[in-house]
Each structure stands twice: as C-alpha cells, then as structure tokens.
Protein backbone atom coordinates (compact mmCIF):
# COMPACT_ATOMS: atom_id res chain seq x y z
CA MET A 1 -2.54 -4.46 22.10
CA GLY A 2 -5.56 -2.50 20.83
CA THR A 3 -9.01 -3.97 20.20
CA PHE A 4 -12.13 -3.05 18.24
CA ILE A 5 -15.54 -3.98 19.62
CA VAL A 6 -17.89 -3.97 16.63
CA GLN A 7 -21.68 -4.18 16.70
CA GLY A 8 -22.57 -5.40 13.24
CA GLY A 9 -25.65 -5.31 11.07
CA LYS A 10 -25.92 -1.54 10.74
CA SER A 11 -26.44 0.19 7.39
CA LEU A 12 -24.18 3.20 6.85
CA LYS A 13 -24.95 6.42 5.01
CA GLY A 14 -23.03 9.54 4.07
CA GLU A 15 -19.85 10.84 2.50
CA ILE A 16 -16.27 9.83 3.21
CA THR A 17 -12.98 11.16 1.81
CA PRO A 18 -10.11 8.73 1.32
CA GLN A 19 -6.80 9.41 3.03
CA GLY A 20 -3.56 10.05 1.19
CA ALA A 21 -1.97 6.95 -0.31
CA LYS A 22 0.21 5.04 2.14
CA ASN A 23 2.47 3.49 -0.50
CA GLU A 24 3.10 6.79 -2.26
CA ALA A 25 3.77 8.58 1.03
CA LEU A 26 6.54 6.14 1.97
CA GLN A 27 8.26 6.66 -1.38
CA VAL A 28 8.10 10.45 -1.60
CA ILE A 29 9.12 10.95 2.04
CA CYS A 30 12.26 8.89 1.38
CA ALA A 31 12.91 11.04 -1.71
CA THR A 32 13.29 14.13 0.50
CA LEU A 33 16.74 12.76 1.43
CA LEU A 34 17.96 13.52 -2.11
CA THR A 35 18.26 17.28 -1.57
CA SER A 36 19.24 19.77 1.11
CA GLU A 37 16.42 22.08 0.03
CA LYS A 38 12.92 22.25 1.50
CA ILE A 39 10.28 19.85 0.19
CA THR A 40 6.63 20.27 1.18
CA ILE A 41 4.31 17.27 0.89
CA LYS A 42 0.53 17.58 1.06
CA ASN A 43 -2.14 14.97 1.86
CA ILE A 44 0.13 12.84 4.07
CA PRO A 45 -1.93 10.09 5.77
CA ASP A 46 -1.83 10.08 9.56
CA ILE A 47 -1.07 6.37 9.92
CA SER A 48 1.51 4.55 12.01
CA ASP A 49 3.75 3.32 9.15
CA VAL A 50 4.12 6.86 7.79
CA LYS A 51 4.67 8.36 11.24
CA LYS A 52 7.40 5.79 11.93
CA LEU A 53 9.19 6.69 8.69
CA ILE A 54 8.98 10.43 9.44
CA GLU A 55 10.38 9.77 12.92
CA LEU A 56 13.20 7.69 11.42
CA ILE A 57 14.37 10.33 8.93
CA GLY A 58 14.02 12.94 11.68
CA CYS A 59 16.52 10.96 13.74
CA LEU A 60 18.83 11.02 10.70
CA GLY A 61 18.87 14.80 10.94
CA VAL A 62 16.05 15.87 8.61
CA LYS A 63 14.32 19.03 9.83
CA ILE A 64 10.58 18.27 9.89
CA THR A 65 7.89 20.93 10.19
CA MET A 66 4.21 20.01 10.55
CA GLU A 67 2.47 22.84 8.70
CA SER A 68 -1.03 21.38 9.15
CA ASP A 69 -2.69 18.03 9.84
CA SER A 70 -1.78 16.62 6.44
CA VAL A 71 0.99 18.96 5.23
CA THR A 72 4.62 18.54 6.30
CA SER A 73 7.86 20.09 5.09
CA PHE A 74 11.22 18.32 5.10
CA GLU A 75 14.74 19.79 4.94
CA ALA A 76 17.56 17.25 4.74
CA ALA A 77 20.38 19.80 4.85
CA THR A 78 22.35 17.87 7.49
CA ILE A 79 22.31 14.07 7.64
CA ASN A 80 24.01 12.04 10.39
CA LEU A 81 25.10 8.87 8.59
CA ASP A 82 26.57 7.48 11.84
CA TYR A 83 23.02 7.06 13.11
CA LEU A 84 22.56 4.28 10.51
CA GLN A 85 24.71 1.98 12.65
CA THR A 86 23.06 2.60 16.02
CA LYS A 87 20.81 0.19 17.88
CA GLU A 88 18.02 2.77 17.77
CA PHE A 89 18.13 2.87 13.97
CA ILE A 90 18.15 -0.92 13.73
CA SER A 91 15.07 -1.08 15.96
CA GLN A 92 13.24 1.63 14.00
CA SER A 93 13.96 0.41 10.49
CA SER A 94 13.57 -3.32 11.11
CA SER A 95 9.91 -2.78 12.09
CA LEU A 96 9.05 -0.87 8.91
CA ARG A 97 9.40 -2.38 5.44
CA GLY A 98 9.26 1.01 3.73
CA SER A 99 12.51 1.98 5.46
CA ILE A 100 14.46 0.14 2.76
CA MET A 101 13.69 3.02 0.38
CA ILE A 102 16.07 5.34 2.23
CA VAL A 103 18.95 3.32 0.71
CA GLY A 104 18.62 4.64 -2.87
CA PRO A 105 18.56 8.34 -1.91
CA LEU A 106 21.42 8.00 0.61
CA LEU A 107 23.51 6.04 -1.87
CA ALA A 108 22.92 8.65 -4.58
CA ARG A 109 23.70 11.65 -2.38
CA PHE A 110 26.28 10.36 0.10
CA GLY A 111 27.71 7.23 -1.51
CA LYS A 112 26.74 4.79 1.23
CA ALA A 113 23.81 3.39 3.17
CA PHE A 114 23.12 0.76 5.81
CA ILE A 115 19.86 -1.02 6.53
CA PRO A 116 18.79 -4.06 8.56
CA LYS A 117 16.45 -6.60 7.03
CA PRO A 118 13.17 -4.67 6.73
CA GLY A 119 9.98 -5.68 8.55
CA GLY A 120 6.36 -5.24 7.52
CA ASP A 121 3.41 -7.59 7.04
CA LYS A 122 3.94 -11.33 7.42
CA ILE A 123 2.22 -12.23 4.16
CA GLY A 124 4.87 -14.46 2.64
CA ARG A 125 8.36 -14.16 1.26
CA ARG A 126 9.18 -10.61 0.22
CA LYS A 127 12.72 -10.64 -1.12
CA VAL A 128 14.79 -7.51 -1.49
CA ASP A 129 17.20 -8.86 -4.12
CA THR A 130 15.76 -6.57 -6.82
CA HIS A 131 16.85 -3.47 -4.88
CA PHE A 132 20.45 -4.54 -4.37
CA ILE A 133 20.94 -6.08 -7.81
CA GLY A 134 19.94 -2.69 -9.22
CA PHE A 135 22.35 -0.82 -6.94
CA ARG A 136 25.17 -3.18 -7.92
CA LYS A 137 24.51 -2.60 -11.62
CA LEU A 138 24.81 1.12 -10.95
CA GLY A 139 28.27 0.46 -9.53
CA ALA A 140 27.70 -0.01 -5.80
CA GLU A 141 29.36 -2.65 -3.67
CA PHE A 142 26.93 -4.71 -1.64
CA ASN A 143 27.60 -6.69 1.54
CA TYR A 144 25.16 -8.70 3.62
CA ASP A 145 25.95 -9.99 7.10
CA SER A 146 23.67 -13.00 7.65
CA SER A 147 24.56 -13.12 11.35
CA ASP A 148 22.68 -9.90 12.04
CA SER A 149 20.70 -9.55 8.76
CA PHE A 150 22.40 -6.22 8.02
CA PHE A 151 22.84 -4.77 4.52
CA LYS A 152 25.67 -2.37 3.60
CA VAL A 153 25.89 -0.58 0.23
CA GLU A 154 28.70 1.76 -0.81
CA ALA A 155 29.81 3.53 -4.00
CA PRO A 156 32.13 6.52 -4.50
CA PHE A 157 29.88 7.37 -7.45
CA LEU A 158 27.10 5.70 -9.46
CA THR A 159 27.17 5.20 -13.21
CA GLY A 160 24.13 4.94 -15.45
CA THR A 161 23.53 1.54 -17.04
CA TYR A 162 20.89 -0.79 -18.49
CA ILE A 163 18.87 -2.58 -15.82
CA HIS A 164 16.32 -5.27 -16.68
CA LEU A 165 14.48 -5.97 -13.42
CA ASP A 166 13.82 -9.62 -12.59
CA GLU A 167 10.46 -8.56 -11.14
CA ALA A 168 8.40 -5.39 -11.38
CA SER A 169 8.86 -4.62 -7.69
CA VAL A 170 7.23 -1.33 -6.68
CA THR A 171 9.62 -0.50 -3.86
CA GLY A 172 12.55 -1.93 -5.84
CA THR A 173 11.73 0.27 -8.82
CA ALA A 174 11.31 3.34 -6.61
CA ASN A 175 14.60 2.70 -4.82
CA ILE A 176 16.56 2.23 -8.05
CA ILE A 177 14.98 5.33 -9.62
CA MET A 178 16.03 7.43 -6.62
CA ALA A 179 19.59 6.10 -6.88
CA ALA A 180 19.77 6.63 -10.64
CA VAL A 181 18.59 10.25 -10.77
CA MET A 182 22.06 11.42 -9.63
CA ALA A 183 24.16 8.73 -11.37
CA LYS A 184 26.61 9.71 -14.13
CA GLY A 185 25.07 9.19 -17.57
CA ARG A 186 21.87 7.45 -18.63
CA THR A 187 20.11 4.64 -16.79
CA THR A 188 17.53 2.51 -18.57
CA ILE A 189 15.14 0.51 -16.38
CA TYR A 190 13.09 -2.16 -18.16
CA ASN A 191 10.26 -4.12 -16.50
CA ALA A 192 9.86 -1.21 -14.12
CA ALA A 193 6.79 -1.08 -11.90
CA CYS A 194 4.44 1.59 -13.26
CA GLU A 195 1.82 1.96 -10.50
CA PRO A 196 0.37 5.48 -10.11
CA TYR A 197 2.46 5.88 -6.96
CA VAL A 198 5.69 5.21 -8.87
CA GLN A 199 4.49 7.70 -11.49
CA GLN A 200 3.89 10.21 -8.71
CA LEU A 201 7.40 9.69 -7.36
CA CYS A 202 8.83 10.29 -10.85
CA ARG A 203 6.78 13.47 -11.30
CA MET A 204 7.99 14.76 -7.94
CA LEU A 205 11.61 14.00 -8.89
CA VAL A 206 11.14 15.84 -12.20
CA LYS A 207 9.90 18.89 -10.27
CA MET A 208 13.10 18.59 -8.21
CA GLY A 209 15.18 18.72 -11.40
CA ALA A 210 15.54 15.04 -12.34
CA LYS A 211 15.39 13.98 -15.99
CA ILE A 212 13.06 11.00 -16.43
CA GLU A 213 11.38 9.79 -19.62
CA GLY A 214 8.75 7.06 -20.00
CA ILE A 215 6.75 7.85 -16.86
CA GLY A 216 3.69 5.58 -16.73
CA SER A 217 5.36 2.79 -18.73
CA ASN A 218 7.58 -0.13 -17.75
CA LEU A 219 10.53 1.35 -19.65
CA LEU A 220 12.20 4.34 -17.99
CA TYR A 221 15.12 6.47 -19.19
CA ILE A 222 16.89 8.49 -16.51
CA ASP A 223 19.67 10.97 -17.27
CA GLY A 224 21.62 11.70 -14.11
CA VAL A 225 21.95 15.22 -12.75
CA THR A 226 24.48 16.66 -10.30
CA GLY A 227 21.94 17.94 -7.79
CA LEU A 228 18.25 18.29 -6.99
CA LYS A 229 16.19 21.15 -5.57
CA GLY A 230 13.13 21.49 -3.37
CA CYS A 231 9.50 21.33 -4.51
CA MET A 232 5.90 20.94 -3.42
CA HIS A 233 4.07 17.63 -3.96
CA THR A 234 0.53 16.38 -3.33
CA ILE A 235 -0.08 12.68 -2.60
CA LEU A 236 -2.88 10.85 -4.43
CA PRO A 237 -5.88 9.41 -2.54
CA ASP A 238 -5.33 5.83 -1.40
CA MET A 239 -6.78 3.42 -3.99
CA ILE A 240 -6.80 0.56 -1.47
CA GLU A 241 -8.95 2.54 0.94
CA ILE A 242 -11.29 3.51 -1.91
CA GLY A 243 -11.74 -0.14 -2.84
CA SER A 244 -12.28 -1.02 0.81
CA PHE A 245 -15.12 1.50 1.05
CA ILE A 246 -16.79 0.09 -2.09
CA GLY A 247 -16.71 -3.42 -0.60
CA LEU A 248 -17.91 -2.14 2.77
CA ALA A 249 -20.90 -0.38 1.22
CA ALA A 250 -21.98 -3.53 -0.64
CA MET A 251 -21.54 -5.82 2.38
CA THR A 252 -23.49 -3.59 4.77
CA GLU A 253 -26.22 -2.55 2.30
CA SER A 254 -25.12 1.06 2.72
CA GLU A 255 -25.34 4.19 0.61
CA ILE A 256 -21.92 5.83 0.58
CA THR A 257 -20.33 8.55 -1.53
CA ILE A 258 -16.54 8.37 -1.71
CA LYS A 259 -15.20 11.84 -2.42
CA ASN A 260 -12.24 12.94 -4.55
CA VAL A 261 -11.01 9.50 -5.61
CA SER A 262 -8.74 10.51 -8.55
CA TYR A 263 -10.76 8.09 -10.67
CA GLU A 264 -8.32 8.08 -13.59
CA ASN A 265 -5.70 6.53 -11.29
CA LEU A 266 -7.87 3.63 -10.07
CA GLY A 267 -7.10 1.46 -13.09
CA ILE A 268 -8.93 -1.88 -13.11
CA ILE A 269 -10.18 -1.58 -9.51
CA PRO A 270 -13.73 -0.34 -10.33
CA ASP A 271 -14.28 -3.10 -12.90
CA SER A 272 -13.05 -5.73 -10.42
CA PHE A 273 -15.84 -4.80 -8.01
CA ARG A 274 -18.34 -4.72 -10.87
CA LYS A 275 -17.44 -8.38 -11.53
CA LEU A 276 -18.92 -9.10 -8.11
CA GLY A 277 -22.15 -7.42 -9.21
CA ILE A 278 -21.66 -4.20 -7.26
CA ASN A 279 -23.30 -1.17 -8.85
CA PHE A 280 -21.90 2.32 -8.39
CA GLU A 281 -21.77 5.60 -10.28
CA ARG A 282 -18.99 8.01 -11.07
CA ASN A 283 -20.05 11.58 -10.39
CA GLY A 284 -17.20 13.82 -11.44
CA ASP A 285 -14.33 12.63 -9.26
CA ASP A 286 -16.62 10.96 -6.70
CA ILE A 287 -17.93 7.40 -6.51
CA HIS A 288 -21.51 6.91 -5.29
CA VAL A 289 -22.37 3.40 -4.08
CA PRO A 290 -26.16 3.07 -3.69
CA HIS A 291 -27.97 0.76 -1.28
CA GLN A 292 -28.09 -2.78 -2.71
CA ASP A 293 -30.06 -5.65 -1.21
CA HIS A 294 -28.24 -8.17 -3.41
CA TYR A 295 -25.32 -8.35 -5.83
CA GLU A 296 -24.47 -11.24 -8.15
CA ILE A 297 -21.03 -12.40 -9.26
CA GLU A 298 -20.55 -12.49 -13.02
CA THR A 299 -19.39 -15.59 -14.86
CA PHE A 300 -17.09 -15.80 -17.85
CA ILE A 301 -18.75 -15.75 -21.30
CA ASP A 302 -18.73 -19.57 -21.46
CA GLY A 303 -20.45 -19.78 -18.07
CA SER A 304 -17.38 -20.91 -16.11
CA ILE A 305 -16.66 -19.62 -12.61
CA MET A 306 -15.28 -16.11 -12.34
CA THR A 307 -11.61 -15.79 -11.35
CA ILE A 308 -10.19 -12.64 -9.81
CA ALA A 309 -6.40 -12.58 -9.61
CA ASP A 310 -3.76 -10.04 -8.75
CA ALA A 311 -1.17 -8.87 -11.26
CA ILE A 312 1.45 -6.19 -11.70
CA TRP A 313 0.04 -2.79 -12.71
CA PRO A 314 -2.03 -2.13 -14.74
CA GLY A 315 -3.42 -5.41 -13.39
CA LEU A 316 -5.23 -5.69 -10.08
CA THR A 317 -3.24 -4.72 -7.00
CA PRO A 318 -2.79 -7.64 -4.56
CA ASP A 319 -3.61 -5.33 -1.65
CA LEU A 320 -7.32 -5.45 -2.54
CA LEU A 321 -7.80 -9.22 -2.86
CA SER A 322 -8.61 -9.60 0.84
CA VAL A 323 -11.40 -7.02 0.51
CA LEU A 324 -12.74 -8.56 -2.71
CA LEU A 325 -12.74 -11.98 -1.06
CA VAL A 326 -14.72 -10.89 1.98
CA THR A 327 -17.15 -8.91 -0.20
CA ALA A 328 -17.81 -12.04 -2.28
CA THR A 329 -18.97 -14.00 0.78
CA GLN A 330 -22.33 -12.19 0.70
CA ALA A 331 -22.74 -12.10 -3.10
CA LYS A 332 -24.83 -14.51 -5.15
CA GLY A 333 -22.62 -16.96 -7.02
CA ALA A 334 -19.06 -18.21 -6.70
CA VAL A 335 -15.60 -16.82 -7.44
CA LEU A 336 -12.04 -18.11 -7.35
CA ILE A 337 -9.67 -15.65 -5.68
CA HIS A 338 -6.11 -16.23 -6.88
CA GLN A 339 -3.42 -14.47 -4.83
CA LYS A 340 -0.34 -15.03 -6.98
CA MET A 341 2.21 -12.81 -5.29
CA PHE A 342 2.13 -13.73 -1.58
CA GLU A 343 1.64 -17.25 -0.29
CA SER A 344 0.38 -16.38 3.21
CA ARG A 345 -2.12 -13.66 2.48
CA LEU A 346 -5.20 -15.91 2.28
CA PHE A 347 -4.66 -17.65 5.59
CA PHE A 348 -7.03 -15.21 7.32
CA VAL A 349 -10.02 -16.96 5.69
CA ASP A 350 -10.28 -19.37 8.63
CA LYS A 351 -11.65 -16.44 10.62
CA LEU A 352 -14.30 -15.79 7.96
CA ILE A 353 -15.21 -19.49 7.97
CA ASP A 354 -15.72 -19.23 11.75
CA MET A 355 -18.17 -16.40 11.00
CA GLY A 356 -20.16 -18.68 8.68
CA ALA A 357 -18.65 -17.85 5.30
CA GLN A 358 -18.47 -20.65 2.74
CA ILE A 359 -14.85 -20.66 1.56
CA ILE A 360 -12.63 -23.47 0.34
CA LEU A 361 -8.93 -22.71 0.75
CA CYS A 362 -7.56 -24.66 -2.19
CA ASP A 363 -3.88 -23.94 -1.45
CA PRO A 364 -1.83 -21.01 -0.10
CA HIS A 365 -2.58 -18.99 -3.22
CA ARG A 366 -6.21 -19.81 -4.10
CA ALA A 367 -9.57 -19.72 -2.33
CA THR A 368 -13.01 -20.48 -3.74
CA VAL A 369 -15.81 -18.36 -2.26
CA ILE A 370 -19.42 -19.55 -2.46
CA GLY A 371 -21.56 -16.48 -1.90
CA LEU A 372 -24.40 -16.65 0.62
CA ASP A 373 -26.52 -14.05 -1.25
CA LYS A 374 -27.18 -12.45 2.18
CA MET A 375 -29.65 -15.24 2.98
CA ILE A 376 -27.35 -16.28 5.81
CA LYS A 377 -25.66 -13.41 7.63
CA LEU A 378 -22.15 -13.73 8.97
CA ARG A 379 -22.08 -14.04 12.75
CA GLY A 380 -19.95 -12.05 15.15
CA THR A 381 -16.87 -13.68 16.63
CA VAL A 382 -13.51 -13.00 18.28
CA MET A 383 -10.52 -12.68 15.93
CA SER A 384 -7.12 -11.06 15.49
CA SER A 385 -5.84 -8.94 12.60
CA PRO A 386 -2.86 -10.67 10.92
CA ASP A 387 -1.89 -7.84 8.55
CA ILE A 388 -3.14 -4.47 7.29
CA ARG A 389 -5.35 -5.64 4.43
CA ALA A 390 -6.72 -8.77 6.09
CA GLY A 391 -7.40 -6.62 9.13
CA VAL A 392 -9.66 -4.21 7.27
CA ALA A 393 -11.34 -7.16 5.49
CA LEU A 394 -12.18 -8.63 8.91
CA LEU A 395 -13.49 -5.24 10.02
CA ILE A 396 -15.78 -5.14 6.98
CA ALA A 397 -16.98 -8.66 7.81
CA ALA A 398 -17.65 -7.65 11.41
CA LEU A 399 -19.63 -4.57 10.33
CA SER A 400 -21.87 -6.74 8.15
CA ALA A 401 -22.27 -9.57 10.69
CA GLU A 402 -25.06 -10.17 13.16
CA GLY A 403 -24.07 -9.50 16.74
CA LYS A 404 -20.83 -8.40 18.35
CA SER A 405 -17.34 -9.02 17.01
CA VAL A 406 -14.03 -8.47 18.76
CA ILE A 407 -10.94 -7.72 16.65
CA HIS A 408 -7.58 -7.80 18.44
CA ASN A 409 -4.21 -6.51 17.19
CA ILE A 410 -5.79 -3.51 15.49
CA GLU A 411 -2.36 -1.88 15.38
CA GLN A 412 -2.05 -3.73 12.07
CA ILE A 413 -5.10 -1.86 10.74
CA ASP A 414 -3.80 1.46 12.08
CA ARG A 415 -0.63 0.96 10.04
CA GLY A 416 -2.60 1.55 6.84
CA TYR A 417 -5.96 3.18 7.71
CA GLN A 418 -6.26 6.60 9.31
CA ASP A 419 -8.78 6.90 12.19
CA ILE A 420 -10.87 4.22 10.50
CA ASP A 421 -13.16 3.74 13.52
CA THR A 422 -13.91 7.46 13.90
CA ARG A 423 -14.54 7.97 10.19
CA LEU A 424 -16.86 4.96 9.85
CA ASN A 425 -18.71 5.79 13.07
CA ALA A 426 -19.51 9.16 11.48
CA LEU A 427 -21.42 7.18 8.81
CA GLY A 428 -23.39 5.19 11.37
CA ALA A 429 -21.08 2.31 12.26
CA ASP A 430 -20.72 1.11 15.84
CA ILE A 431 -17.00 0.56 16.46
CA ARG A 432 -15.49 1.01 19.91
CA ARG A 433 -11.73 1.18 20.37
CA ILE A 434 -10.20 -0.28 23.52
C-alpha cells in the first residue's frame, strides 16, 4: 500500500496542465471494440484505471500500440470472446467499474458479452440495471447468476426501439449508445446523460460512421449502421482535476494558472467555486487563480445559508463535491453540501474533523461546513484515502495544514490523478511518495 508524506503550509506558484479526462477515456477506449479498423486516441491520462482497461482489452485480443506518452492506437481486428469466461478476465474486470462498458460494443458487434459485477469506488449503491434494461429493450436476452455475480447478455441481432432511461446514468447511456449504433433501425434514447464526455463519445462514433442526432441534449436519435470504421479522437481535459486545482489554490493561498481547460465544457463548475468566494480569471482557454488571503461564501438573496448540491448535467458533477467541501473549511461563512447521488461519499469528513475542520454530518447525504476563515489552520494527521475524489480532497487538506500529514492507500488517488505528487511538487508542494 502506497503512502504520501505531506508537509503542509506551503504556498504554490506556477502553471499546471490538466490530464485527459478519466471518464471520457474509459468510454472511448471501450468504443474501439466496435470496429476492426485502427483508432488513435490522443490525450489519454496515465492513471491506473485507464491502464487496467487498456490491459483488459489487450487480453481480449486488441492490438495496442503506444505511439507516445499520451497517444495510443487500438486495432480490434481479432477478439477472443472465450477470454470473457476465464478467471483472469473475472479478476481484471471485477476491480474496474468502467469495464462494464465493454458490454455494449461486444453485444453490437458479436452478439454476446459476459461481465462480472463491476468494482470501483465504495461510495454507495451504484446499480447497473439501467445498462441491462436498455440492452433488453434492444432485443438482448439477459441472465444474472447471483451465486457468482456474473452477467450474460446475448442477441443474434439488435433492433432499434424507444428507450426512456429510468436514470440519466453516464455509463449506462454510453453503453446503450454503443450497442444501438449498429442495431437495425432507429433507437430513441430519452433522459440520456449529456455530460461533455458522453458528447465526446458520440462525436467519436459519428467520425467512425455512426448516425446520431441530438448530441448535447437528453434526447438522442440513433440510426443503426452495418459497420464502423477507424478514426482519430482527442480526449478533453479532466474537469474534475481542473476543479481540484481551483480548490487547492484557494486553500493554500497559491497563485496557479491552469492551462488549456476547454472552458466551454466546464459547465457550472466555475460558478460553483465562485459561490465559495474564490476569485479567478479566464485568460483565453486558461484559468488564473490569484493569491487570496481570504474568501467568503455567498448566501442566497434572502440571506439564508448557501447550499451546493450535485445534479445530473448540466448540473454540478458529484465528483467535485468532496473538493468543494474541503475548500469550504477555510472559507468565511457556512455552506450545506448536499450529496444526492451517493450515500457514502461524505463519510470521509471524520478525517477533516480530526484535522480541526468544523463540519456537522447531518446524514449520509448532507454535511454543514462552518468555515474557519483561515484563522485556525487545519493540523496534520494520519489518514487513509477511501476513494478517488475523497483522496484528493484529503491531499488538498494536507497541503493547506500545519505540520506533517500521512495519507495511506494512495492507490485510490492514482486511479484518477496522473503523477499528482510530481506535478504539484513542481509548483512548490512537499509531497513524498513511499
């Protein structure tokens, strides 16, 4: 198990470029299974979740060529479907939640797919019903063996249909889109997730020859085609990492420029940090966060306490609530953080309380943060990262705290953040990896 030793209290300065988006990378890499032709993907983040997925599809028979540090080509000319029922595949896929998105492409191209219950962060119940209900509506037969938590989906062919999703699941939407692009006839998906990463997947599929209308909305029309071709695709910068750097700069009283952020794809994220009183400027496609001694949380117009809650896109992504929460601990004022989607994601606040933060955990979904206005610094402590986003929030807390902090289980952070210690140390942080 890896560990970070963090000496806090240092102000950072300089420029940093966000990595490629983790969530988009998982989707578009799975989409390479839809064609036998070569697909080249640029700006792939070098993080453990993505590397695991690339290794998994490589074991399926995909030819993988690393053309540079962040550019990889994929050729899925020959796929060994028998590998889907091996112990090695079960071990690989059950540790990676994104592995479930190989089902849609395999079902579309080969008529069958197998997958064990996917893994991922332990942040609450994360059902996969949306995926399989969609596949069934397209004509697939679905079987689930509860004794070994194994899913089996088969269909001699898929037929376009009307699908009204019960939830706007990002991975569910992506999976169903990838299945539908080669179904017979038209598929209509209503209440589709419309995050920028889903839009990116759709644009990549269109370059491959798919016919998709309504990209960017929650109503998609997909006319099935008989085959898809290769293409070149560039992954967006990771909006979660961009938000993390904004919060980090405010907490540590740093001056940081975040380069090439694809600002038009950040949605409500910049305004969410402004609600905490954080000032920053947009310079072209960069975000400059100046040094700030203090920042004050806004109130609603009637003077009531500010509430920041997650929502489906174009609302606030739940992946940033942990960062917003920790950033609020050193603001002036109070805020209610409402995590609607996952009931275990706020449980990491006990570690912040141990560091001196004033937080009331109201219930599994809500926490009230009373900002210390930097009059009382957080103090270093020993803690363990429970998931990717809480892990980076704890790292931000440790960088702002007085004294030394020890963060165990940093493999969770490495799943979503590329060389985070090296990149922050280049700005003046003091993070040692053990």
